Amino acid sequence: MQTPCAAYEEIGLKKQGQYQQLNTNILQIENEYYASVRPKSNVIFRQETL
C-alpha cells in the first residue's frame, strides 16, 4: 500500500493545484490490493443473484 512508483512520482500529485492522482504509490486504493483474489461473479443473462 505504501510502495512508491517512480512513474507515478514523475506525474506528481497535483498540476496547477488540481489532483492528478490519489498518491504516488503502486496501489492507488485498497481495493486494488484485493482485486486479484476477490471472487468475481459470472452473470448469466436473466439470472438473478441471491
Protein backbone atom coordinates (compact mmCIF):
# COMPACT_ATOMS: atom_id res chain seq x y z
CA MET A 1 0.00 0.00 0.00
CA GLN A 2 2.93 2.35 0.51
CA THR A 3 5.37 1.23 -2.18
CA PRO A 4 6.32 4.27 -4.26
CA CYS A 5 6.28 4.10 -8.05
CA ALA A 6 8.82 6.20 -9.95
CA ALA A 7 6.49 6.69 -12.93
CA TYR A 8 3.68 7.96 -10.68
CA GLU A 9 6.09 10.20 -8.78
CA GLU A 10 7.11 11.70 -12.13
CA ILE A 11 3.46 12.62 -12.82
CA GLY A 12 3.14 14.17 -9.38
CA LEU A 13 0.09 14.53 -7.17
CA LYS A 14 -1.08 17.94 -8.35
CA LYS A 15 -0.84 20.00 -11.51
CA GLN A 16 -1.81 23.67 -11.25
CA GLY A 17 -3.48 22.96 -7.90
CA GLN A 18 -5.61 20.08 -9.25
CA TYR A 19 -5.07 16.48 -8.14
CA GLN A 20 -3.86 14.20 -10.94
CA GLN A 21 -3.93 11.02 -8.84
CA LEU A 22 -4.64 9.86 -5.30
CA ASN A 23 -1.00 9.22 -4.38
CA THR A 24 2.33 8.20 -5.94
CA ASN A 25 2.25 4.58 -4.78
CA ILE A 26 1.90 1.45 -6.92
CA LEU A 27 -1.53 0.81 -5.41
CA GLN A 28 -3.76 3.87 -5.50
CA ILE A 29 -6.63 2.43 -3.42
CA GLU A 30 -7.02 -0.53 -1.07
CA ASN A 31 -9.42 -2.31 -3.45
CA GLU A 32 -6.60 -2.79 -5.98
CA TYR A 33 -4.73 -4.90 -3.41
CA TYR A 34 -7.60 -7.35 -3.07
CA ALA A 35 -8.83 -7.27 -6.68
CA SER A 36 -6.85 -10.34 -7.78
CA VAL A 37 -8.20 -12.58 -5.00
CA ARG A 38 -11.74 -11.25 -4.77
CA PRO A 39 -14.12 -13.71 -6.42
CA LYS A 40 -15.94 -12.29 -9.40
CA SER A 41 -19.45 -13.40 -10.30
CA ASN A 42 -20.29 -14.60 -13.77
CA VAL A 43 -23.63 -13.07 -14.61
CA ILE A 44 -25.77 -15.15 -16.95
CA PHE A 45 -28.47 -13.38 -18.92
CA ARG A 46 -31.69 -13.13 -16.87
CA GLN A 47 -30.14 -14.93 -13.89
CA GLU A 48 -30.92 -13.42 -10.51
CA THR A 49 -28.40 -13.41 -7.67
CA LEU A 50 -29.34 -14.50 -4.17
